[in-house]
């Protein structure tokens, strides 16, 4: 983590998807981060909306979202799909039937075109 990182935690009444949408919407350029919201929605479908703990760390260069859950793991094919559409995905067992999914999406630098 750096000094520019902002840590987000869900509000008491926020579910996972509300939290993810809020974090993305608060960013100066939310468009490149929308894929993270779509992938988390897929993950929640795989998890049958069971309780999860979620957090996010955002800097001017990247967003890293972490989702922790218990029970049956997310299908490995879904995790591979997530990796195809983001900059890095890590899905690990935390032991005792616990799992942690981390999705990192780099925020591209401003693009300047010549005309």
N, C-alpha and C. Protein backbone atom coordinates (compact mmCIF):
# COMPACT_ATOMS: atom_id res chain seq x y z
N UNK A 1 0.83 -1.18 0.00
CA UNK A 1 0.00 0.00 0.00
C UNK A 1 0.87 1.24 0.00
N UNK A 2 0.33 2.28 -0.59
CA UNK A 2 1.05 3.55 -0.62
C UNK A 2 0.21 4.62 0.07
N UNK A 3 0.78 5.79 0.19
CA UNK A 3 0.08 6.90 0.83
C UNK A 3 -1.16 7.33 0.03
N UNK A 4 -1.18 7.06 -1.27
CA UNK A 4 -2.29 7.46 -2.12
C UNK A 4 -3.44 6.46 -2.12
N UNK A 5 -3.28 5.32 -1.47
CA UNK A 5 -4.32 4.30 -1.44
C UNK A 5 -5.47 4.71 -0.54
N UNK A 6 -6.67 4.46 -1.03
CA UNK A 6 -7.86 4.70 -0.22
C UNK A 6 -8.52 3.34 0.03
N UNK A 7 -8.79 3.05 1.30
CA UNK A 7 -9.40 1.78 1.68
C UNK A 7 -10.90 1.99 1.83
N UNK A 8 -11.65 1.10 1.22
CA UNK A 8 -13.11 1.15 1.29
C UNK A 8 -13.62 -0.08 2.03
N UNK A 9 -14.61 0.12 2.86
CA UNK A 9 -15.32 -0.96 3.55
C UNK A 9 -16.81 -0.70 3.36
N UNK A 10 -17.62 -1.75 3.33
CA UNK A 10 -19.06 -1.54 3.14
C UNK A 10 -19.70 -0.84 4.33
N UNK A 11 -20.71 -0.05 4.04
CA UNK A 11 -21.53 0.53 5.09
C UNK A 11 -22.34 -0.61 5.73
N UNK A 12 -22.87 -0.37 6.92
CA UNK A 12 -23.59 -1.42 7.65
C UNK A 12 -24.73 -2.05 6.86
N UNK A 13 -25.44 -1.27 6.08
CA UNK A 13 -26.61 -1.77 5.38
C UNK A 13 -26.34 -2.10 3.91
N UNK A 14 -25.10 -2.10 3.48
CA UNK A 14 -24.74 -2.30 2.09
C UNK A 14 -24.46 -3.77 1.80
N UNK A 15 -25.06 -4.31 0.73
CA UNK A 15 -24.67 -5.66 0.32
C UNK A 15 -23.46 -5.55 -0.60
N UNK A 16 -22.94 -6.68 -1.03
CA UNK A 16 -21.70 -6.70 -1.81
C UNK A 16 -21.84 -5.87 -3.08
N UNK A 17 -22.91 -6.07 -3.84
CA UNK A 17 -23.04 -5.37 -5.12
C UNK A 17 -23.24 -3.87 -4.92
N UNK A 18 -23.97 -3.47 -3.91
CA UNK A 18 -24.14 -2.03 -3.63
C UNK A 18 -22.78 -1.41 -3.31
N UNK A 19 -21.99 -2.13 -2.53
CA UNK A 19 -20.65 -1.66 -2.17
C UNK A 19 -19.78 -1.49 -3.41
N UNK A 20 -19.73 -2.52 -4.25
CA UNK A 20 -18.89 -2.47 -5.45
C UNK A 20 -19.32 -1.33 -6.37
N UNK A 21 -20.61 -1.17 -6.57
CA UNK A 21 -21.11 -0.08 -7.42
C UNK A 21 -20.72 1.29 -6.85
N UNK A 22 -20.83 1.43 -5.54
CA UNK A 22 -20.48 2.71 -4.91
C UNK A 22 -19.00 3.02 -5.08
N UNK A 23 -18.14 2.04 -4.83
CA UNK A 23 -16.70 2.26 -4.94
C UNK A 23 -16.33 2.65 -6.37
N UNK A 24 -16.89 1.94 -7.34
CA UNK A 24 -16.59 2.25 -8.73
C UNK A 24 -17.10 3.64 -9.09
N UNK A 25 -18.31 3.97 -8.67
CA UNK A 25 -18.90 5.28 -8.99
C UNK A 25 -18.12 6.44 -8.39
N UNK A 26 -17.45 6.24 -7.28
CA UNK A 26 -16.70 7.31 -6.62
C UNK A 26 -15.36 7.61 -7.29
N UNK A 27 -14.96 6.81 -8.27
CA UNK A 27 -13.67 7.03 -8.90
C UNK A 27 -13.78 8.09 -9.99
N UNK A 28 -12.70 8.85 -10.22
CA UNK A 28 -12.73 9.91 -11.23
C UNK A 28 -13.10 9.39 -12.63
N UNK A 29 -12.63 8.20 -12.99
CA UNK A 29 -12.96 7.59 -14.28
C UNK A 29 -13.45 6.17 -14.02
N UNK A 30 -14.74 6.00 -13.76
CA UNK A 30 -15.25 4.68 -13.40
C UNK A 30 -15.35 3.70 -14.57
N UNK A 31 -15.32 4.18 -15.79
CA UNK A 31 -15.56 3.32 -16.95
C UNK A 31 -14.64 2.10 -17.02
N UNK A 32 -13.31 2.24 -16.87
CA UNK A 32 -12.46 1.05 -16.98
C UNK A 32 -12.63 0.07 -15.81
N UNK A 33 -13.33 0.50 -14.75
CA UNK A 33 -13.53 -0.35 -13.58
C UNK A 33 -14.86 -1.11 -13.61
N UNK A 34 -15.72 -0.76 -14.54
CA UNK A 34 -17.05 -1.41 -14.61
C UNK A 34 -16.96 -2.92 -14.73
N UNK A 35 -15.95 -3.42 -15.41
CA UNK A 35 -15.80 -4.87 -15.58
C UNK A 35 -15.68 -5.56 -14.22
N UNK A 36 -15.06 -4.91 -13.25
CA UNK A 36 -14.93 -5.50 -11.91
C UNK A 36 -16.32 -5.73 -11.31
N UNK A 37 -17.22 -4.77 -11.45
CA UNK A 37 -18.58 -4.93 -10.96
C UNK A 37 -19.29 -6.10 -11.63
N UNK A 38 -19.10 -6.24 -12.93
CA UNK A 38 -19.74 -7.33 -13.65
C UNK A 38 -19.18 -8.68 -13.21
N UNK A 39 -17.88 -8.74 -12.98
CA UNK A 39 -17.26 -10.00 -12.55
C UNK A 39 -17.68 -10.37 -11.12
N UNK A 40 -17.82 -9.39 -10.25
CA UNK A 40 -18.28 -9.67 -8.89
C UNK A 40 -19.72 -10.16 -8.93
N UNK A 41 -20.51 -9.62 -9.83
CA UNK A 41 -21.89 -10.09 -9.96
C UNK A 41 -21.91 -11.57 -10.38
N UNK A 42 -21.03 -11.95 -11.27
CA UNK A 42 -20.91 -13.36 -11.67
C UNK A 42 -20.48 -14.20 -10.47
N UNK A 43 -19.50 -13.72 -9.72
CA UNK A 43 -19.03 -14.45 -8.54
C UNK A 43 -20.14 -14.63 -7.53
N UNK A 44 -20.93 -13.59 -7.31
CA UNK A 44 -22.03 -13.69 -6.35
C UNK A 44 -23.08 -14.68 -6.83
N UNK A 45 -23.28 -14.78 -8.13
CA UNK A 45 -24.18 -15.79 -8.67
C UNK A 45 -23.66 -17.19 -8.39
N UNK A 46 -22.36 -17.36 -8.52
CA UNK A 46 -21.73 -18.65 -8.20
C UNK A 46 -21.86 -18.98 -6.71
N UNK A 47 -21.80 -17.95 -5.89
CA UNK A 47 -21.86 -18.14 -4.44
C UNK A 47 -23.30 -18.20 -3.92
N UNK A 48 -24.26 -18.09 -4.83
CA UNK A 48 -25.69 -18.14 -4.45
C UNK A 48 -26.02 -17.07 -3.41
N UNK A 49 -25.34 -15.93 -3.51
CA UNK A 49 -25.57 -14.77 -2.66
C UNK A 49 -25.38 -15.07 -1.17
N UNK A 50 -24.53 -16.06 -0.85
CA UNK A 50 -24.27 -16.30 0.58
C UNK A 50 -23.42 -15.17 1.15
N UNK A 51 -23.40 -15.03 2.46
CA UNK A 51 -22.67 -13.90 3.06
C UNK A 51 -21.19 -13.90 2.70
N UNK A 52 -20.70 -12.72 2.42
CA UNK A 52 -19.30 -12.51 2.07
C UNK A 52 -18.80 -11.25 2.76
N UNK A 53 -17.50 -11.19 2.95
CA UNK A 53 -16.86 -9.97 3.41
C UNK A 53 -16.15 -9.38 2.21
N UNK A 54 -16.30 -8.09 2.03
CA UNK A 54 -15.71 -7.44 0.86
C UNK A 54 -14.99 -6.17 1.30
N UNK A 55 -13.93 -5.86 0.60
CA UNK A 55 -13.20 -4.61 0.82
C UNK A 55 -12.52 -4.23 -0.49
N UNK A 56 -12.09 -2.98 -0.56
CA UNK A 56 -11.40 -2.51 -1.76
C UNK A 56 -10.32 -1.52 -1.37
N UNK A 57 -9.26 -1.53 -2.16
CA UNK A 57 -8.19 -0.55 -2.03
C UNK A 57 -8.02 0.07 -3.41
N UNK A 58 -8.12 1.40 -3.47
CA UNK A 58 -8.04 2.10 -4.75
C UNK A 58 -6.96 3.17 -4.67
N UNK A 59 -6.15 3.22 -5.70
CA UNK A 59 -5.18 4.30 -5.84
C UNK A 59 -5.41 4.94 -7.20
N UNK A 60 -4.56 5.88 -7.58
CA UNK A 60 -4.72 6.48 -8.90
C UNK A 60 -4.26 5.53 -10.00
N UNK A 61 -3.64 4.40 -9.65
CA UNK A 61 -3.14 3.46 -10.64
C UNK A 61 -3.92 2.14 -10.73
N UNK A 62 -4.66 1.78 -9.65
CA UNK A 62 -5.34 0.48 -9.69
C UNK A 62 -6.42 0.39 -8.63
N UNK A 63 -7.28 -0.59 -8.85
CA UNK A 63 -8.30 -0.95 -7.88
C UNK A 63 -8.10 -2.42 -7.56
N UNK A 64 -8.08 -2.73 -6.28
CA UNK A 64 -7.95 -4.11 -5.85
C UNK A 64 -9.13 -4.42 -4.93
N UNK A 65 -9.97 -5.36 -5.36
CA UNK A 65 -11.15 -5.72 -4.61
C UNK A 65 -10.98 -7.13 -4.07
N UNK A 66 -11.28 -7.32 -2.79
CA UNK A 66 -11.13 -8.62 -2.14
C UNK A 66 -12.48 -9.08 -1.61
N UNK A 67 -12.82 -10.33 -1.93
CA UNK A 67 -14.07 -10.94 -1.52
C UNK A 67 -13.72 -12.23 -0.77
N UNK A 68 -14.19 -12.34 0.47
CA UNK A 68 -13.94 -13.54 1.27
C UNK A 68 -15.26 -14.25 1.51
N UNK A 69 -15.23 -15.58 1.39
CA UNK A 69 -16.46 -16.35 1.62
C UNK A 69 -16.10 -17.73 2.16
N UNK A 70 -17.11 -18.40 2.66
CA UNK A 70 -16.96 -19.77 3.14
C UNK A 70 -17.79 -20.69 2.27
N UNK A 71 -17.54 -21.98 2.40
CA UNK A 71 -18.33 -22.97 1.67
C UNK A 71 -17.70 -23.39 0.36
N UNK A 72 -18.55 -23.84 -0.54
CA UNK A 72 -18.11 -24.33 -1.84
C UNK A 72 -17.38 -23.24 -2.62
N UNK A 73 -16.25 -23.59 -3.24
CA UNK A 73 -15.49 -22.58 -4.00
C UNK A 73 -16.19 -22.20 -5.30
N UNK A 74 -15.80 -21.06 -5.83
CA UNK A 74 -16.25 -20.62 -7.15
C UNK A 74 -15.66 -21.56 -8.19
N UNK A 75 -16.43 -21.88 -9.20
CA UNK A 75 -15.97 -22.75 -10.28
C UNK A 75 -14.67 -22.19 -10.88
N UNK A 76 -13.70 -23.05 -11.04
CA UNK A 76 -12.38 -22.64 -11.55
C UNK A 76 -12.48 -21.97 -12.92
N UNK A 77 -13.42 -22.40 -13.74
CA UNK A 77 -13.59 -21.79 -15.07
C UNK A 77 -14.02 -20.33 -14.95
N UNK A 78 -14.82 -20.03 -13.93
CA UNK A 78 -15.23 -18.64 -13.72
C UNK A 78 -14.05 -17.79 -13.29
N UNK A 79 -13.19 -18.36 -12.46
CA UNK A 79 -12.00 -17.63 -12.01
C UNK A 79 -11.08 -17.36 -13.20
N UNK A 80 -10.92 -18.34 -14.09
CA UNK A 80 -10.10 -18.14 -15.29
C UNK A 80 -10.70 -17.06 -16.19
N UNK A 81 -12.02 -17.05 -16.32
CA UNK A 81 -12.70 -16.02 -17.09
C UNK A 81 -12.43 -14.64 -16.51
N UNK A 82 -12.48 -14.53 -15.19
CA UNK A 82 -12.21 -13.26 -14.52
C UNK A 82 -10.80 -12.79 -14.84
N UNK A 83 -9.86 -13.72 -14.85
CA UNK A 83 -8.47 -13.38 -15.16
C UNK A 83 -8.28 -12.89 -16.58
N UNK A 84 -9.14 -13.37 -17.49
CA UNK A 84 -9.06 -12.93 -18.88
C UNK A 84 -9.51 -11.48 -19.06
N UNK A 85 -10.27 -10.96 -18.12
CA UNK A 85 -10.87 -9.64 -18.28
C UNK A 85 -10.36 -8.60 -17.29
N UNK A 86 -9.38 -8.97 -16.48
CA UNK A 86 -8.79 -8.02 -15.54
C UNK A 86 -7.28 -8.15 -15.61
N UNK A 87 -6.60 -7.40 -14.78
CA UNK A 87 -5.14 -7.42 -14.82
C UNK A 87 -4.54 -8.51 -13.94
N UNK A 88 -5.29 -8.92 -12.90
CA UNK A 88 -4.80 -10.02 -12.07
C UNK A 88 -5.94 -10.53 -11.20
N UNK A 89 -6.04 -11.85 -11.11
CA UNK A 89 -7.01 -12.50 -10.23
C UNK A 89 -6.26 -13.54 -9.41
N UNK A 90 -6.55 -13.54 -8.13
CA UNK A 90 -5.96 -14.52 -7.23
C UNK A 90 -7.10 -15.12 -6.42
N UNK A 91 -7.22 -16.44 -6.43
CA UNK A 91 -8.27 -17.11 -5.67
C UNK A 91 -7.62 -18.21 -4.87
N UNK A 92 -7.65 -18.07 -3.55
CA UNK A 92 -6.93 -19.00 -2.70
C UNK A 92 -7.81 -19.50 -1.56
N UNK A 93 -7.44 -20.65 -1.06
CA UNK A 93 -8.12 -21.21 0.10
C UNK A 93 -7.47 -20.65 1.35
N UNK A 94 -8.31 -20.21 2.27
CA UNK A 94 -7.81 -19.71 3.54
C UNK A 94 -7.88 -20.77 4.63
N UNK A 95 -8.16 -22.01 4.23
CA UNK A 95 -8.31 -23.08 5.20
C UNK A 95 -9.68 -23.04 5.86
N UNK A 96 -10.05 -24.10 6.52
CA UNK A 96 -11.34 -24.19 7.22
C UNK A 96 -12.51 -23.80 6.33
N UNK A 97 -12.46 -24.26 5.06
CA UNK A 97 -13.56 -24.04 4.12
C UNK A 97 -13.77 -22.55 3.80
N UNK A 98 -12.72 -21.75 3.90
CA UNK A 98 -12.78 -20.32 3.59
C UNK A 98 -12.00 -20.04 2.31
N UNK A 99 -12.48 -19.07 1.53
CA UNK A 99 -11.87 -18.73 0.26
C UNK A 99 -11.72 -17.22 0.14
N UNK A 100 -10.70 -16.80 -0.61
CA UNK A 100 -10.49 -15.37 -0.84
C UNK A 100 -10.23 -15.13 -2.32
N UNK A 101 -11.04 -14.25 -2.91
CA UNK A 101 -10.90 -13.84 -4.30
C UNK A 101 -10.41 -12.40 -4.32
N UNK A 102 -9.32 -12.15 -5.02
CA UNK A 102 -8.81 -10.80 -5.18
C UNK A 102 -8.74 -10.49 -6.67
N UNK A 103 -9.38 -9.39 -7.05
CA UNK A 103 -9.38 -8.94 -8.44
C UNK A 103 -8.68 -7.59 -8.49
N UNK A 104 -7.68 -7.49 -9.37
CA UNK A 104 -6.98 -6.21 -9.54
C UNK A 104 -7.23 -5.69 -10.95
N UNK A 105 -7.61 -4.45 -11.01
CA UNK A 105 -7.82 -3.79 -12.31
C UNK A 105 -6.97 -2.54 -12.32
N UNK A 106 -6.01 -2.50 -13.23
CA UNK A 106 -5.17 -1.32 -13.37
C UNK A 106 -5.98 -0.22 -14.04
N UNK A 107 -5.76 0.98 -13.60
CA UNK A 107 -6.43 2.13 -14.18
C UNK A 107 -5.49 2.69 -15.24
N UNK A 108 -5.90 2.64 -16.47
CA UNK A 108 -4.99 3.08 -17.54
C UNK A 108 -4.67 4.56 -17.41
N UNK A 109 -3.45 4.94 -17.81
CA UNK A 109 -3.10 6.36 -17.80
C UNK A 109 -3.94 7.11 -18.83
N UNK A 110 -3.99 8.40 -18.69
CA UNK A 110 -4.71 9.21 -19.67
C UNK A 110 -4.11 8.98 -21.05
N UNK A 111 -4.94 8.82 -22.02
CA UNK A 111 -4.50 8.58 -23.39
C UNK A 111 -4.65 9.88 -24.17
N UNK A 112 -3.59 10.30 -24.79
CA UNK A 112 -3.62 11.50 -25.61
C UNK A 112 -3.38 11.09 -27.05
N UNK A 113 -4.29 11.45 -27.91
CA UNK A 113 -4.09 11.10 -29.32
C UNK A 113 -3.71 12.31 -30.12
N UNK A 114 -3.00 12.09 -31.20
CA UNK A 114 -2.63 13.17 -32.09
C UNK A 114 -3.63 13.19 -33.26
N UNK A 115 -4.05 14.35 -33.62
CA UNK A 115 -4.99 14.47 -34.73
C UNK A 115 -4.37 15.25 -35.85
